[in-house]
Protein backbone atom coordinates (compact mmCIF):
# COMPACT_ATOMS: atom_id res chain seq x y z
CA MET A 1 26.50 -134.19 19.72
CA PRO A 2 24.18 -131.53 18.25
CA SER A 3 20.74 -131.03 19.72
CA ALA A 4 17.67 -132.12 17.75
CA SER A 5 16.93 -128.49 16.89
CA ASN A 6 20.32 -128.20 15.14
CA GLN A 7 20.08 -131.39 13.14
CA ILE A 8 19.48 -131.05 9.39
CA SER A 9 16.57 -132.96 7.88
CA ASN A 10 16.23 -133.89 4.22
CA TRP A 11 13.24 -134.75 2.01
CA LEU A 12 12.91 -136.16 -1.48
CA GLU A 13 9.61 -135.74 -3.36
CA THR A 14 8.45 -136.51 -6.88
CA GLY A 15 5.42 -135.45 -8.89
CA ASN A 16 4.09 -134.09 -12.16
CA ALA A 17 4.24 -130.41 -13.08
CA HIS A 18 3.12 -128.13 -15.91
CA ILE A 19 5.25 -125.17 -16.97
CA ASP A 20 3.17 -122.65 -18.87
CA GLU A 21 3.94 -119.75 -21.22
CA ALA A 22 3.86 -117.17 -18.43
CA TYR A 23 6.73 -118.92 -16.61
CA VAL A 24 8.62 -119.37 -19.89
CA ALA A 25 8.37 -115.62 -20.55
CA ALA A 26 10.53 -115.02 -17.48
CA HIS A 27 12.80 -118.05 -18.06
CA THR A 28 13.52 -118.03 -21.78
CA GLU A 29 15.68 -121.18 -21.67
CA VAL A 30 12.67 -123.28 -20.59
CA VAL A 31 10.18 -124.97 -22.92
CA ALA A 32 6.54 -124.94 -21.88
CA GLY A 33 4.95 -128.34 -21.32
CA GLN A 34 4.54 -131.31 -18.99
CA TYR A 35 7.38 -132.33 -16.68
CA VAL A 36 8.26 -134.79 -13.96
CA VAL A 37 9.61 -132.83 -10.99
CA ILE A 38 12.08 -134.15 -8.40
CA SER A 39 12.39 -131.96 -5.30
CA VAL A 40 15.30 -132.26 -2.87
CA THR A 41 14.90 -130.24 0.35
CA ASP A 42 17.01 -129.67 3.44
CA THR A 43 16.60 -127.60 6.60
CA GLY A 44 20.15 -126.24 6.55
CA VAL A 45 21.42 -122.67 6.69
CA GLY A 46 19.98 -121.76 3.29
CA MET A 47 21.55 -119.55 0.63
CA ASP A 48 21.48 -115.84 -0.05
CA ALA A 49 20.80 -114.44 -3.52
CA ALA A 50 24.50 -114.11 -4.40
CA THR A 51 25.16 -117.77 -3.56
CA ILE A 52 22.13 -118.96 -5.53
CA ALA A 53 23.35 -116.98 -8.56
CA GLN A 54 26.68 -118.88 -8.51
CA ALA A 55 25.49 -122.27 -7.28
CA PHE A 56 25.67 -123.99 -10.69
CA GLU A 57 29.05 -122.56 -11.68
CA PRO A 58 31.81 -125.22 -11.98
CA PHE A 59 34.21 -125.23 -9.01
CA PHE A 60 32.10 -122.77 -6.98
CA THR A 61 31.72 -123.95 -3.38
CA THR A 62 31.05 -122.46 0.04
CA LYS A 63 32.98 -125.25 1.74
CA PRO A 64 36.53 -124.79 3.12
CA VAL A 65 39.48 -125.56 0.83
CA GLY A 66 39.86 -129.31 0.39
CA LYS A 67 36.32 -130.08 1.58
CA GLY A 68 34.51 -129.96 -1.76
CA THR A 69 35.16 -129.78 -5.50
CA GLY A 70 32.33 -127.44 -6.41
CA LEU A 71 31.33 -129.77 -9.23
CA GLY A 72 28.26 -131.51 -7.80
CA LEU A 73 25.57 -128.97 -8.69
CA SER A 74 27.23 -128.05 -11.98
CA GLN A 75 27.13 -131.71 -13.04
CA VAL A 76 23.46 -131.96 -12.04
CA TYR A 77 22.77 -128.77 -14.02
CA GLY A 78 24.49 -130.23 -17.09
CA PHE A 79 22.55 -133.49 -16.86
CA VAL A 80 19.21 -131.71 -16.53
CA LYS A 81 19.91 -129.36 -19.43
CA GLN A 82 21.13 -132.18 -21.68
CA SER A 83 17.84 -133.96 -20.93
CA GLY A 84 15.82 -130.93 -22.07
CA GLY A 85 14.85 -130.08 -18.51
CA HIS A 86 14.97 -127.18 -16.07
CA ILE A 87 16.43 -126.73 -12.58
CA LYS A 88 15.40 -124.17 -9.97
CA ILE A 89 16.64 -123.33 -6.47
CA TYR A 90 14.34 -121.93 -3.77
CA SER A 91 16.21 -120.83 -0.66
CA GLU A 92 16.25 -118.23 2.09
CA THR A 93 19.05 -117.66 4.59
CA GLY A 94 18.21 -119.60 7.75
CA GLU A 95 15.22 -121.32 6.11
CA GLY A 96 16.78 -124.24 4.20
CA THR A 97 16.78 -125.01 0.50
CA THR A 98 14.72 -126.84 -2.12
CA VAL A 99 16.28 -127.78 -5.47
CA LYS A 100 13.71 -128.76 -8.11
CA LEU A 101 14.65 -130.77 -11.18
CA TYR A 102 12.14 -130.69 -14.05
CA LEU A 103 12.55 -133.47 -16.62
CA PRO A 104 10.33 -133.69 -19.74
CA ARG A 105 7.40 -136.06 -19.24
CA LEU A 106 6.46 -138.45 -22.03
CA ALA A 107 2.99 -137.50 -23.25
CA GLY A 108 1.13 -140.16 -25.21
CA ASP A 109 -2.23 -140.12 -26.97
CA ALA A 110 -4.13 -140.31 -23.69
CA ALA A 111 -2.54 -137.09 -22.48
CA ASP A 112 -3.36 -135.34 -25.77
CA ASN A 113 -7.00 -136.42 -25.56
CA ALA A 114 -7.25 -135.32 -21.95
CA ALA A 115 -5.88 -131.87 -22.81
CA SER A 116 -8.50 -131.38 -25.54
CA ASP A 117 -11.28 -132.02 -23.01
CA GLU A 118 -9.91 -129.58 -20.43
CA PRO A 119 -12.72 -127.61 -18.74
CA LEU A 120 -12.85 -123.82 -18.74
CA ASN A 121 -11.12 -122.10 -15.85
CA PRO A 122 -13.46 -121.19 -12.97
CA GLU A 123 -13.76 -117.43 -12.57
CA ALA A 124 -14.60 -114.98 -9.80
CA ALA A 125 -18.02 -114.60 -8.25
CA GLN A 126 -19.47 -111.11 -7.98
CA GLY A 127 -17.23 -108.73 -6.02
CA GLU A 128 -14.73 -111.28 -4.66
CA ILE A 129 -11.51 -109.68 -3.37
CA ILE A 130 -8.13 -111.39 -2.92
CA LEU A 131 -5.14 -110.01 -1.00
CA VAL A 132 -1.84 -111.20 -2.52
CA VAL A 133 1.21 -111.13 -0.22
CA GLU A 134 4.54 -111.80 -2.00
CA ASP A 135 7.99 -110.21 -1.74
CA ASP A 136 9.16 -111.35 -5.19
CA ASP A 137 8.00 -108.63 -7.59
CA ASP A 138 7.78 -110.94 -10.63
CA VAL A 139 5.79 -113.63 -8.82
CA ARG A 140 3.48 -111.03 -7.29
CA ALA A 141 2.88 -109.39 -10.67
CA TYR A 142 2.10 -112.76 -12.28
CA SER A 143 -0.33 -113.68 -9.50
CA VAL A 144 -2.06 -110.30 -9.58
CA ASP A 145 -2.37 -110.25 -13.38
CA SER A 146 -3.71 -113.84 -13.46
CA LEU A 147 -6.30 -113.18 -10.76
CA CYS A 148 -7.44 -109.95 -12.43
CA GLU A 149 -7.85 -111.87 -15.69
CA LEU A 150 -10.10 -114.32 -13.82
CA GLY A 151 -12.30 -111.44 -12.68
CA TYR A 152 -11.16 -111.00 -9.08
CA ARG A 153 -10.48 -107.64 -7.51
CA VAL A 154 -6.90 -107.85 -6.22
CA LEU A 155 -5.03 -106.05 -3.46
CA GLU A 156 -1.29 -106.58 -3.04
CA ALA A 157 1.32 -106.32 -0.30
CA HIS A 158 5.10 -106.86 -0.21
CA ASP A 159 5.23 -108.23 3.36
CA GLY A 160 3.17 -109.12 6.44
CA PRO A 161 2.92 -105.71 8.12
CA ALA A 162 1.68 -104.14 4.86
CA ALA A 163 -0.87 -106.94 4.43
CA LEU A 164 -2.24 -106.47 7.96
CA ARG A 165 -2.57 -102.71 7.41
CA ILE A 166 -4.62 -103.40 4.27
CA LEU A 167 -6.85 -105.83 6.16
CA ASP A 168 -7.36 -103.28 8.93
CA ARG A 169 -8.72 -100.64 6.55
CA GLN A 170 -10.30 -102.73 3.78
CA PRO A 171 -13.94 -103.60 4.56
CA ARG A 172 -14.00 -106.78 2.45
CA VAL A 173 -11.33 -109.38 1.69
CA ASP A 174 -12.43 -112.91 0.77
CA LEU A 175 -9.07 -114.67 0.46
CA LEU A 176 -5.53 -114.16 1.73
CA PHE A 177 -3.05 -115.56 -0.83
CA THR A 178 0.36 -115.47 0.82
CA ASP A 179 3.87 -116.83 0.41
CA VAL A 180 5.14 -119.00 3.27
CA VAL A 181 8.56 -117.32 3.63
CA LEU A 182 8.50 -113.51 3.69
CA PRO A 183 10.63 -110.56 4.85
CA GLY A 184 9.41 -108.08 7.44
CA GLY A 185 9.52 -110.29 10.52
CA LEU A 186 6.31 -112.24 9.87
CA THR A 187 5.98 -115.62 8.17
CA GLY A 188 3.01 -116.50 6.03
CA ALA A 189 1.59 -118.62 8.87
CA GLN A 190 1.90 -115.72 11.32
CA ILE A 191 0.22 -113.34 8.90
CA ALA A 192 -2.62 -115.81 8.41
CA SER A 193 -3.06 -116.26 12.17
CA GLN A 194 -3.30 -112.51 12.80
CA ALA A 195 -5.53 -112.02 9.77
CA LYS A 196 -7.92 -114.76 10.94
CA ALA A 197 -8.06 -113.09 14.37
CA LEU A 198 -9.26 -109.93 12.62
CA ARG A 199 -11.58 -111.80 10.21
CA PRO A 200 -12.50 -115.33 11.31
CA SER A 201 -14.27 -116.11 8.02
CA LEU A 202 -11.24 -115.19 5.87
CA LYS A 203 -10.07 -118.01 3.57
CA VAL A 204 -6.30 -118.57 3.28
CA LEU A 205 -4.19 -120.09 0.51
CA PHE A 206 -0.42 -120.44 0.95
CA ARG A 207 2.11 -120.70 -1.85
CA THR A 208 5.74 -121.78 -1.72
CA GLY A 209 8.67 -122.76 -3.89
CA TYR A 210 9.73 -125.34 -1.31
CA ALA A 211 8.54 -128.93 -1.56
CA ARG A 212 5.08 -129.46 -0.04
CA ASN A 213 5.91 -132.27 2.39
CA ALA A 214 9.05 -130.49 3.59
CA ILE A 215 7.02 -127.37 4.44
CA ILE A 216 4.56 -129.43 6.51
CA HIS A 217 7.06 -131.76 8.20
CA ASN A 218 9.40 -128.90 9.07
CA GLY A 219 6.60 -127.22 10.99
CA ARG A 220 6.27 -124.11 8.84
CA LEU A 221 2.62 -124.92 8.17
CA ASP A 222 0.06 -127.13 9.89
CA LYS A 223 -1.31 -130.23 8.22
CA GLY A 224 -4.52 -129.65 6.32
CA VAL A 225 -3.75 -126.10 5.19
CA GLN A 226 -4.42 -125.08 1.59
CA LEU A 227 -1.16 -124.85 -0.37
CA ILE A 228 -0.07 -124.36 -3.99
CA VAL A 229 3.54 -124.94 -5.03
CA LYS A 230 5.50 -122.61 -7.34
CA PRO A 231 5.81 -122.51 -10.26
CA PHE A 232 2.08 -122.94 -10.84
CA SER A 233 0.23 -122.61 -14.12
CA PHE A 234 -2.65 -120.24 -14.80
CA ASN A 235 -5.04 -123.21 -14.87
CA ASP A 236 -3.74 -124.58 -11.57
CA LEU A 237 -4.09 -121.17 -9.92
CA ALA A 238 -7.62 -120.64 -11.23
CA ALA A 239 -8.80 -124.04 -9.98
CA LYS A 240 -7.10 -123.81 -6.57
CA ILE A 241 -8.34 -120.30 -5.83
CA ARG A 242 -11.89 -121.32 -6.66
CA ASP A 243 -11.64 -124.50 -4.58
CA VAL A 244 -10.49 -122.57 -1.50
CA LEU A 245 -13.08 -119.84 -1.88
CA ASP A 246 -15.82 -122.46 -2.18
CA LEU A 247 -14.80 -124.34 0.97
CA PRO A 248 -17.58 -124.30 3.60
CA GLU A 249 -16.91 -122.09 6.58
CA LYS A 250 -15.84 -123.92 9.72
CA PRO A 251 -18.26 -123.55 12.64
CA ALA A 252 -17.08 -121.30 15.46
CA ASP A 253 -15.61 -123.01 18.55
CA GLY A 254 -17.88 -123.54 21.51
């Protein structure tokens, strides 16, 4: 019987999501708008980039001969696309997998009225600096461009060691905005812990493509941390960044 540490856990989450024009620019088959998102997560062995690229192909399977048809994900893909939706896999080898299904959400008159009353995006205060840590070049570029548009000064790093070197030499950083799963031997949580040791007043916002509850329950992040889930819209990012920066500082222990 496998030990508890080797057992695979699974989570199912649902919620609402907004896909904006910036995401559509990188995924031309997607239509911008409001969606219902269904996230299915496991803590299995994960997939490398080559496997993810083939995952939706009919008859492709990583199982031994006779143990799988390779049709499951391709059928899900077909259903989602026929429904006018979008499907996305987030996975890292050894870190598990989240599959997100985006299905168009019915928007009635109430939703249209609410959109017309949407407040302006909150912008940067004078001189605020954000350090963005992200290994995916496209996601990092989108985050940096969005934050610059909001008036923040932005520093960027590809992995944890690079981020810590920036913190060591940069006199002011107000917020660390980091992915949860990163290359370079340090997770987002480990980067945040070392960064907070250097700068106790530093605010931290995590981002992830995995489902929120799965990230917490699997122990990758503590409960109560600030987290935004990819893909996020420009409006969502603007509001969340401002919320975290405006959080009151916690009193020092003792």
